[in-house]
Amino acid sequence: MKLKRHRVIRGIIRCETGLRIGGTKDAIEIGGMDNPIIRHPITGLPYVPGSSIKGRMRSLIELKNNKFNHHSGEPCNCAQGNCPVCRIFGPHKAPNHSLGPTRLIVRDAMLTEEWEAKLKEAQEEKGIYFAEIKTENWIDRRTGRAADKGLRTQERVPAGTEFKMELVIREFEGDGDRHTVDTVLDGLRLIEKEYIGGSGSRGYGKVTFQQLMLDGASISLHEEAVKVQ
């Protein structure tokens, strides 16, 4: 199996609503937030893990193509050569297969320089820790009012925040170049229609992908067909 080339998709992930990808409480001081977002362990700045983008993309492509284990709910592991999921993302829990390496690499998405500066400025002026605090409650069905108990607070990356995205597609001889790229771009379209991170059904995690470039050439997810060479 010969590697032909790498295709690179770069762009900006813009948070249209607050984004929550959970982190660990180990790094939070006593008395701090119970539900923190994931942060860089040194700088404390939020980022979007590549695993969150890739996992969400895979699950949506599987749902669209009806390619998952209907008994266990686990990801597809058919390991068939014509399966876009297994070929691009790798067959789930199937180490012995003939598909070769995973085709898609998704980098962690770090803040743009502009938004890193904005969040640092907000921290200095307002004392926030690079995030907003959102309080949620449930409605007492008997009275129709907010319940007296059950409040919870969560951190979210504020709406408007932007991150730098990079996806790398490995192309091997015999892959069928356009099909692989088109499937990845379709995965990004599906994410725009849904969300990434947690609590998407409650308004969190709506994102758009902007300023997209494929191998240095500008592309748009919303064209009827992206021209792929």
C-alpha atoms as a PDB file:
ATOM      1  CA  MET A   1       0.000   0.000   0.000  1.00  0.00           C
ATOM      2  CA  LYS A   2       1.676   3.175  -1.226  1.00  0.00           C
ATOM      3  CA  LEU A   3       0.981   6.599   0.256  1.00  0.00           C
ATOM      4  CA  LYS A   4       0.321   9.036  -2.591  1.00  0.00           C
ATOM      5  CA  ARG A   5      -0.103  12.357  -0.789  1.00  0.00           C
ATOM      6  CA  HIS A   6      -1.644  14.239   2.103  1.00  0.00           C
ATOM      7  CA  ARG A   7      -4.653  16.515   1.578  1.00  0.00           C
ATOM      8  CA  VAL A   8      -4.990  19.288   4.168  1.00  0.00           C
ATOM      9  CA  ILE A   9      -8.195  21.071   5.133  1.00  0.00           C
ATOM     10  CA  ARG A  10      -7.740  24.167   7.275  1.00  0.00           C
ATOM     11  CA  GLY A  11     -10.281  26.627   8.563  1.00  0.00           C
ATOM     12  CA  ILE A  12     -11.931  28.300  11.517  1.00  0.00           C
ATOM     13  CA  ILE A  13     -14.415  26.730  13.928  1.00  0.00           C
ATOM     14  CA  ARG A  14     -16.748  29.476  15.100  1.00  0.00           C
ATOM     15  CA  CYS A  15     -18.940  28.859  18.142  1.00  0.00           C
ATOM     16  CA  GLU A  16     -22.387  30.171  17.271  1.00  0.00           C
ATOM     17  CA  THR A  17     -23.641  29.220  20.737  1.00  0.00           C
ATOM     18  CA  GLY A  18     -21.831  28.357  23.965  1.00  0.00           C
ATOM     19  CA  LEU A  19     -19.684  25.232  23.618  1.00  0.00           C
ATOM     20  CA  ARG A  20     -19.173  22.672  26.347  1.00  0.00           C
ATOM     21  CA  ILE A  21     -16.589  19.900  26.114  1.00  0.00           C
ATOM     22  CA  GLY A  22     -16.071  18.586  29.618  1.00  0.00           C
ATOM     23  CA  GLY A  23     -12.736  18.564  31.385  1.00  0.00           C
ATOM     24  CA  THR A  24     -11.494  17.194  34.674  1.00  0.00           C
ATOM     25  CA  LYS A  25     -12.152  18.635  38.120  1.00  0.00           C
ATOM     26  CA  ASP A  26      -8.654  17.645  39.243  1.00  0.00           C
ATOM     27  CA  ALA A  27      -7.232  20.898  37.920  1.00  0.00           C
ATOM     28  CA  ILE A  28      -9.875  23.083  39.593  1.00  0.00           C
ATOM     29  CA  GLU A  29      -9.221  24.643  42.956  1.00  0.00           C
ATOM     30  CA  ILE A  30     -11.320  23.797  46.016  1.00  0.00           C
ATOM     31  CA  GLY A  31     -14.604  25.680  45.769  1.00  0.00           C
ATOM     32  CA  GLY A  32     -14.331  25.888  41.984  1.00  0.00           C
ATOM     33  CA  MET A  33     -16.636  24.784  39.185  1.00  0.00           C
ATOM     34  CA  ASP A  34     -18.166  21.299  39.398  1.00  0.00           C
ATOM     35  CA  ASN A  35     -18.475  20.966  35.606  1.00  0.00           C
ATOM     36  CA  PRO A  36     -15.428  22.615  34.016  1.00  0.00           C
ATOM     37  CA  ILE A  37     -14.600  22.696  30.322  1.00  0.00           C
ATOM     38  CA  ILE A  38     -11.445  21.093  28.957  1.00  0.00           C
ATOM     39  CA  ARG A  39      -8.433  23.416  29.082  1.00  0.00           C
ATOM     40  CA  HIS A  40      -4.761  23.414  28.229  1.00  0.00           C
ATOM     41  CA  PRO A  41      -3.038  22.186  31.409  1.00  0.00           C
ATOM     42  CA  ILE A  42      -0.418  24.961  31.362  1.00  0.00           C
ATOM     43  CA  THR A  43      -2.177  28.050  30.014  1.00  0.00           C
ATOM     44  CA  GLY A  44      -5.720  27.241  31.152  1.00  0.00           C
ATOM     45  CA  LEU A  45      -7.044  28.258  27.724  1.00  0.00           C
ATOM     46  CA  PRO A  46      -9.909  26.243  26.216  1.00  0.00           C
ATOM     47  CA  TYR A  47      -9.450  24.166  23.076  1.00  0.00           C
ATOM     48  CA  VAL A  48     -11.440  21.688  21.003  1.00  0.00           C
ATOM     49  CA  PRO A  49      -9.929  18.166  21.105  1.00  0.00           C
ATOM     50  CA  GLY A  50      -9.470  16.536  17.733  1.00  0.00           C
ATOM     51  CA  SER A  51     -11.166  13.448  19.181  1.00  0.00           C
ATOM     52  CA  SER A  52     -14.362  15.445  19.785  1.00  0.00           C
ATOM     53  CA  ILE A  53     -14.506  16.628  16.183  1.00  0.00           C
ATOM     54  CA  LYS A  54     -13.549  13.253  14.708  1.00  0.00           C
ATOM     55  CA  GLY A  55     -15.859  11.244  16.936  1.00  0.00           C
ATOM     56  CA  ARG A  56     -18.842  13.473  16.225  1.00  0.00           C
ATOM     57  CA  MET A  57     -18.130  13.405  12.499  1.00  0.00           C
ATOM     58  CA  ARG A  58     -17.869   9.624  12.496  1.00  0.00           C
ATOM     59  CA  SER A  59     -21.086   9.075  14.433  1.00  0.00           C
ATOM     60  CA  LEU A  60     -23.075  11.368  12.136  1.00  0.00           C
ATOM     61  CA  ILE A  61     -21.697   9.748   8.975  1.00  0.00           C
ATOM     62  CA  GLU A  62     -22.567   6.340  10.443  1.00  0.00           C
ATOM     63  CA  LEU A  63     -26.128   7.469  11.171  1.00  0.00           C
ATOM     64  CA  LYS A  64     -26.545   8.933   7.697  1.00  0.00           C
ATOM     65  CA  ASN A  65     -25.293   5.741   6.042  1.00  0.00           C
ATOM     66  CA  ASN A  66     -26.877   3.325   8.544  1.00  0.00           C
ATOM     67  CA  LYS A  67     -23.415   1.966   9.320  1.00  0.00           C
ATOM     68  CA  PHE A  68     -23.253   1.013  12.997  1.00  0.00           C
ATOM     69  CA  ASN A  69     -23.902  -2.009  15.178  1.00  0.00           C
ATOM     70  CA  HIS A  70     -27.666  -2.026  15.693  1.00  0.00           C
ATOM     71  CA  HIS A  71     -27.461  -4.511  18.565  1.00  0.00           C
ATOM     72  CA  SER A  72     -24.800  -2.881  20.743  1.00  0.00           C
ATOM     73  CA  GLY A  73     -24.906   0.684  19.451  1.00  0.00           C
ATOM     74  CA  GLU A  74     -21.142   0.565  18.912  1.00  0.00           C
ATOM     75  CA  PRO A  75     -19.374   2.110  15.885  1.00  0.00           C
ATOM     76  CA  CYS A  76     -19.124   0.247  12.604  1.00  0.00           C
ATOM     77  CA  ASN A  77     -16.553  -2.539  12.430  1.00  0.00           C
ATOM     78  CA  CYS A  78     -17.535  -4.259   9.176  1.00  0.00           C
ATOM     79  CA  ALA A  79     -14.004  -3.674   7.780  1.00  0.00           C
ATOM     80  CA  GLN A  80     -15.332  -3.789   4.219  1.00  0.00           C
ATOM     81  CA  GLY A  81     -13.363  -1.994   1.536  1.00  0.00           C
ATOM     82  CA  ASN A  82     -16.433  -0.141   0.279  1.00  0.00           C
ATOM     83  CA  CYS A  83     -17.399   1.119   3.746  1.00  0.00           C
ATOM     84  CA  PRO A  84     -16.555   4.847   3.965  1.00  0.00           C
ATOM     85  CA  VAL A  85     -16.625   4.754   7.761  1.00  0.00           C
ATOM     86  CA  CYS A  86     -14.189   1.871   8.267  1.00  0.00           C
ATOM     87  CA  ARG A  87     -11.838   3.014   5.522  1.00  0.00           C
ATOM     88  CA  ILE A  88     -11.630   6.643   6.629  1.00  0.00           C
ATOM     89  CA  PHE A  89     -11.910   6.260  10.421  1.00  0.00           C
ATOM     90  CA  GLY A  90     -10.826   2.645  10.932  1.00  0.00           C
ATOM     91  CA  PRO A  91     -13.014  -0.347  11.899  1.00  0.00           C
ATOM     92  CA  HIS A  92     -14.023  -0.286  15.553  1.00  0.00           C
ATOM     93  CA  LYS A  93     -12.273  -2.947  17.699  1.00  0.00           C
ATOM     94  CA  ALA A  94     -11.123  -4.842  14.603  1.00  0.00           C
ATOM     95  CA  PRO A  95      -7.301  -4.846  14.614  1.00  0.00           C
ATOM     96  CA  ASN A  96      -7.016  -7.502  11.917  1.00  0.00           C
ATOM     97  CA  HIS A  97      -8.185  -6.035   8.626  1.00  0.00           C
ATOM     98  CA  SER A  98      -6.840  -5.201   5.161  1.00  0.00           C
ATOM     99  CA  LEU A  99      -7.908  -1.549   4.931  1.00  0.00           C
ATOM    100  CA  GLY A 100      -4.554  -0.081   5.891  1.00  0.00           C
ATOM    101  CA  PRO A 101      -4.013   2.951   8.134  1.00  0.00           C
ATOM    102  CA  THR A 102      -6.765   5.335   9.205  1.00  0.00           C
ATOM    103  CA  ARG A 103      -7.184   7.951   6.490  1.00  0.00           C
ATOM    104  CA  LEU A 104      -8.243  10.932   8.612  1.00  0.00           C
ATOM    105  CA  ILE A 105      -6.106  12.835  11.120  1.00  0.00           C
ATOM    106  CA  VAL A 106      -7.844  15.570  13.153  1.00  0.00           C
ATOM    107  CA  ARG A 107      -5.649  17.995  15.089  1.00  0.00           C
ATOM    108  CA  ASP A 108      -6.645  19.621  18.367  1.00  0.00           C
ATOM    109  CA  ALA A 109      -8.165  23.027  17.540  1.00  0.00           C
ATOM    110  CA  MET A 110      -6.518  25.869  19.453  1.00  0.00           C
ATOM    111  CA  LEU A 111      -7.832  29.398  19.871  1.00  0.00           C
ATOM    112  CA  THR A 112      -7.147  31.900  17.121  1.00  0.00           C
ATOM    113  CA  GLU A 113      -4.710  34.633  18.125  1.00  0.00           C
ATOM    114  CA  GLU A 114      -7.562  37.166  18.127  1.00  0.00           C
ATOM    115  CA  TRP A 115      -9.718  35.140  20.493  1.00  0.00           C
ATOM    116  CA  GLU A 116      -6.868  34.188  22.761  1.00  0.00           C
ATOM    117  CA  ALA A 117      -6.237  37.918  23.239  1.00  0.00           C
ATOM    118  CA  LYS A 118      -9.963  38.602  23.809  1.00  0.00           C
ATOM    119  CA  LEU A 119     -10.337  35.930  26.462  1.00  0.00           C
ATOM    120  CA  LYS A 120      -7.158  37.013  28.241  1.00  0.00           C
ATOM    121  CA  GLU A 121      -8.409  40.588  28.244  1.00  0.00           C
ATOM    122  CA  ALA A 122     -11.778  39.476  29.616  1.00  0.00           C
ATOM    123  CA  GLN A 123     -10.008  37.547  32.369  1.00  0.00           C
ATOM    124  CA  GLU A 124      -8.049  40.628  33.413  1.00  0.00           C
ATOM    125  CA  GLU A 125     -11.051  42.962  33.289  1.00  0.00           C
ATOM    126  CA  LYS A 126     -13.844  40.708  34.554  1.00  0.00           C
ATOM    127  CA  GLY A 127     -12.018  37.953  36.404  1.00  0.00           C
ATOM    128  CA  ILE A 128     -13.542  35.150  34.314  1.00  0.00           C
ATOM    129  CA  TYR A 129     -11.466  32.042  33.700  1.00  0.00           C
ATOM    130  CA  PHE A 130     -11.716  32.062  29.885  1.00  0.00           C
ATOM    131  CA  ALA A 131     -15.315  30.804  30.025  1.00  0.00           C
ATOM    132  CA  GLU A 132     -18.888  31.703  30.915  1.00  0.00           C
ATOM    133  CA  ILE A 133     -20.826  30.132  33.775  1.00  0.00           C
ATOM    134  CA  LYS A 134     -24.280  28.840  32.894  1.00  0.00           C
ATOM    135  CA  THR A 135     -26.782  27.839  35.546  1.00  0.00           C
ATOM    136  CA  GLU A 136     -29.480  25.309  34.683  1.00  0.00           C
ATOM    137  CA  ASN A 137     -32.547  24.056  36.494  1.00  0.00           C
ATOM    138  CA  TRP A 138     -35.581  21.876  35.890  1.00  0.00           C
ATOM    139  CA  ILE A 139     -39.256  22.787  35.832  1.00  0.00           C
ATOM    140  CA  ASP A 140     -41.569  21.466  38.535  1.00  0.00           C
ATOM    141  CA  ARG A 141     -44.324  19.826  36.465  1.00  0.00           C
ATOM    142  CA  ARG A 142     -46.935  20.505  39.152  1.00  0.00           C
ATOM    143  CA  THR A 143     -46.445  24.275  39.295  1.00  0.00           C
ATOM    144  CA  GLY A 144     -44.752  25.088  35.991  1.00  0.00           C
ATOM    145  CA  ARG A 145     -42.056  27.004  37.853  1.00  0.00           C
ATOM    146  CA  ALA A 146     -38.358  26.452  38.353  1.00  0.00           C
ATOM    147  CA  ALA A 147     -37.734  23.897  41.076  1.00  0.00           C
ATOM    148  CA  ASP A 148     -36.241  24.963  44.388  1.00  0.00           C
ATOM    149  CA  LYS A 149     -33.620  22.219  44.177  1.00  0.00           C
ATOM    150  CA  GLY A 150     -31.583  20.713  41.403  1.00  0.00           C
ATOM    151  CA  LEU A 151     -29.620  23.745  40.236  1.00  0.00           C
ATOM    152  CA  ARG A 152     -26.392  22.985  38.433  1.00  0.00           C
ATOM    153  CA  THR A 153     -23.709  25.212  36.988  1.00  0.00           C
ATOM    154  CA  GLN A 154     -21.577  24.473  33.962  1.00  0.00           C
ATOM    155  CA  GLU A 155     -18.764  26.200  32.151  1.00  0.00           C
ATOM    156  CA  ARG A 156     -19.079  26.993  28.449  1.00  0.00           C
ATOM    157  CA  VAL A 157     -16.815  28.537  25.874  1.00  0.00           C
ATOM    158  CA  PRO A 158     -18.620  31.811  25.010  1.00  0.00           C
ATOM    159  CA  ALA A 159     -20.522  32.180  21.743  1.00  0.00           C
ATOM    160  CA  GLY A 160     -18.417  33.845  19.072  1.00  0.00           C
ATOM    161  CA  THR A 161     -15.163  32.192  20.119  1.00  0.00           C
ATOM    162  CA  GLU A 162     -13.071  30.911  17.214  1.00  0.00           C
ATOM    163  CA  PHE A 163     -10.576  28.038  16.960  1.00  0.00           C
ATOM    164  CA  LYS A 164      -8.068  27.044  14.265  1.00  0.00           C
ATOM    165  CA  MET A 165      -8.942  23.715  12.637  1.00  0.00           C
ATOM    166  CA  GLU A 166      -6.714  21.336  10.669  1.00  0.00           C
ATOM    167  CA  LEU A 167      -7.713  18.008   9.120  1.00  0.00           C
ATOM    168  CA  VAL A 168      -5.218  15.832   7.245  1.00  0.00           C
ATOM    169  CA  ILE A 169      -6.372  13.162   4.800  1.00  0.00           C
ATOM    170  CA  ARG A 170      -3.966  10.403   3.815  1.00  0.00           C
ATOM    171  CA  GLU A 171      -4.494   9.194   0.257  1.00  0.00           C
ATOM    172  CA  PHE A 172      -3.204   5.784  -0.802  1.00  0.00           C
ATOM    173  CA  GLU A 173      -3.171   4.290  -4.256  1.00  0.00           C
ATOM    174  CA  GLY A 174      -6.583   2.862  -5.094  1.00  0.00           C
ATOM    175  CA  ASP A 175      -8.505   4.957  -2.555  1.00  0.00           C
ATOM    176  CA  GLY A 176     -10.565   6.962  -5.019  1.00  0.00           C
ATOM    177  CA  ASP A 177      -9.436  10.467  -4.127  1.00  0.00           C
ATOM    178  CA  ARG A 178     -12.638  12.467  -4.490  1.00  0.00           C
ATOM    179  CA  HIS A 179     -14.768  10.057  -2.475  1.00  0.00           C
ATOM    180  CA  THR A 180     -12.604  10.370   0.640  1.00  0.00           C
ATOM    181  CA  VAL A 181     -12.484  14.160   0.618  1.00  0.00           C
ATOM    182  CA  ASP A 182     -16.199  14.457  -0.162  1.00  0.00           C
ATOM    183  CA  THR A 183     -17.065  12.175   2.771  1.00  0.00           C
ATOM    184  CA  VAL A 184     -14.992  14.285   5.174  1.00  0.00           C
ATOM    185  CA  LEU A 185     -16.577  17.508   3.901  1.00  0.00           C
ATOM    186  CA  ASP A 186     -20.003  15.922   4.276  1.00  0.00           C
ATOM    187  CA  GLY A 187     -19.092  15.129   7.880  1.00  0.00           C
ATOM    188  CA  LEU A 188     -18.399  18.822   8.497  1.00  0.00           C
ATOM    189  CA  ARG A 189     -21.761  19.740   6.953  1.00  0.00           C
ATOM    190  CA  LEU A 190     -23.500  17.278   9.257  1.00  0.00           C
ATOM    191  CA  ILE A 191     -21.782  18.774  12.313  1.00  0.00           C
ATOM    192  CA  GLU A 192     -22.988  22.246  11.300  1.00  0.00           C
ATOM    193  CA  LYS A 193     -26.540  20.902  11.223  1.00  0.00           C
ATOM    194  CA  GLU A 194     -26.099  19.289  14.650  1.00  0.00           C
ATOM    195  CA  TYR A 195     -23.511  20.225  17.296  1.00  0.00           C
ATOM    196  CA  ILE A 196     -20.280  19.202  18.982  1.00  0.00           C
ATOM    197  CA  GLY A 197     -19.683  18.733  22.683  1.00  0.00           C
ATOM    198  CA  GLY A 198     -22.392  18.153  25.242  1.00  0.00           C
ATOM    199  CA  SER A 199     -25.981  19.353  25.736  1.00  0.00           C
ATOM    200  CA  GLY A 200     -26.574  20.047  22.050  1.00  0.00           C
ATOM    201  CA  SER A 201     -30.316  19.448  22.373  1.00  0.00           C
ATOM    202  CA  ARG A 202     -30.391  22.346  24.870  1.00  0.00           C
ATOM    203  CA  GLY A 203     -28.717  24.808  22.533  1.00  0.00           C
ATOM    204  CA  TYR A 204     -25.044  24.166  23.239  1.00  0.00           C
ATOM    205  CA  GLY A 205     -22.380  23.434  20.648  1.00  0.00           C
ATOM    206  CA  LYS A 206     -23.719  24.954  17.414  1.00  0.00           C
ATOM    207  CA  VAL A 207     -20.684  25.702  15.236  1.00  0.00           C
ATOM    208  CA  THR A 208     -19.901  26.827  11.708  1.00  0.00           C
ATOM    209  CA  PHE A 209     -16.774  26.107   9.690  1.00  0.00           C
ATOM    210  CA  GLN A 210     -15.419  29.227   8.052  1.00  0.00           C
ATOM    211  CA  GLN A 211     -12.501  30.301   5.824  1.00  0.00           C
ATOM    212  CA  LEU A 212     -12.053  26.718   4.644  1.00  0.00           C
ATOM    213  CA  MET A 213      -9.052  25.871   2.482  1.00  0.00           C
ATOM    214  CA  LEU A 214      -8.285  22.560   0.767  1.00  0.00           C
ATOM    215  CA  ASP A 215      -4.576  22.334  -0.062  1.00  0.00           C
ATOM    216  CA  GLY A 216      -4.429  26.136  -0.017  1.00  0.00           C
ATOM    217  CA  ALA A 217      -7.474  26.689  -2.261  1.00  0.00           C
ATOM    218  CA  SER A 218     -10.633  28.261  -0.860  1.00  0.00           C
ATOM    219  CA  ILE A 219     -13.704  26.005  -0.657  1.00  0.00           C
ATOM    220  CA  SER A 220     -17.239  26.333   0.693  1.00  0.00           C
ATOM    221  CA  LEU A 221     -19.280  23.628   2.365  1.00  0.00           C
ATOM    222  CA  HIS A 222     -22.434  25.196   0.986  1.00  0.00           C
ATOM    223  CA  GLU A 223     -21.651  24.902  -2.700  1.00  0.00           C
ATOM    224  CA  GLU A 224     -23.659  22.199  -4.473  1.00  0.00           C
ATOM    225  CA  ALA A 225     -20.422  20.379  -5.253  1.00  0.00           C
ATOM    226  CA  VAL A 226     -16.938  21.174  -4.007  1.00  0.00           C
ATOM    227  CA  LYS A 227     -14.442  20.812  -6.802  1.00  0.00           C
ATOM    228  CA  VAL A 228     -11.811  18.331  -5.679  1.00  0.00           C
ATOM    229  CA  GLN A 229      -8.760  17.681  -7.833  1.00  0.00           C
END
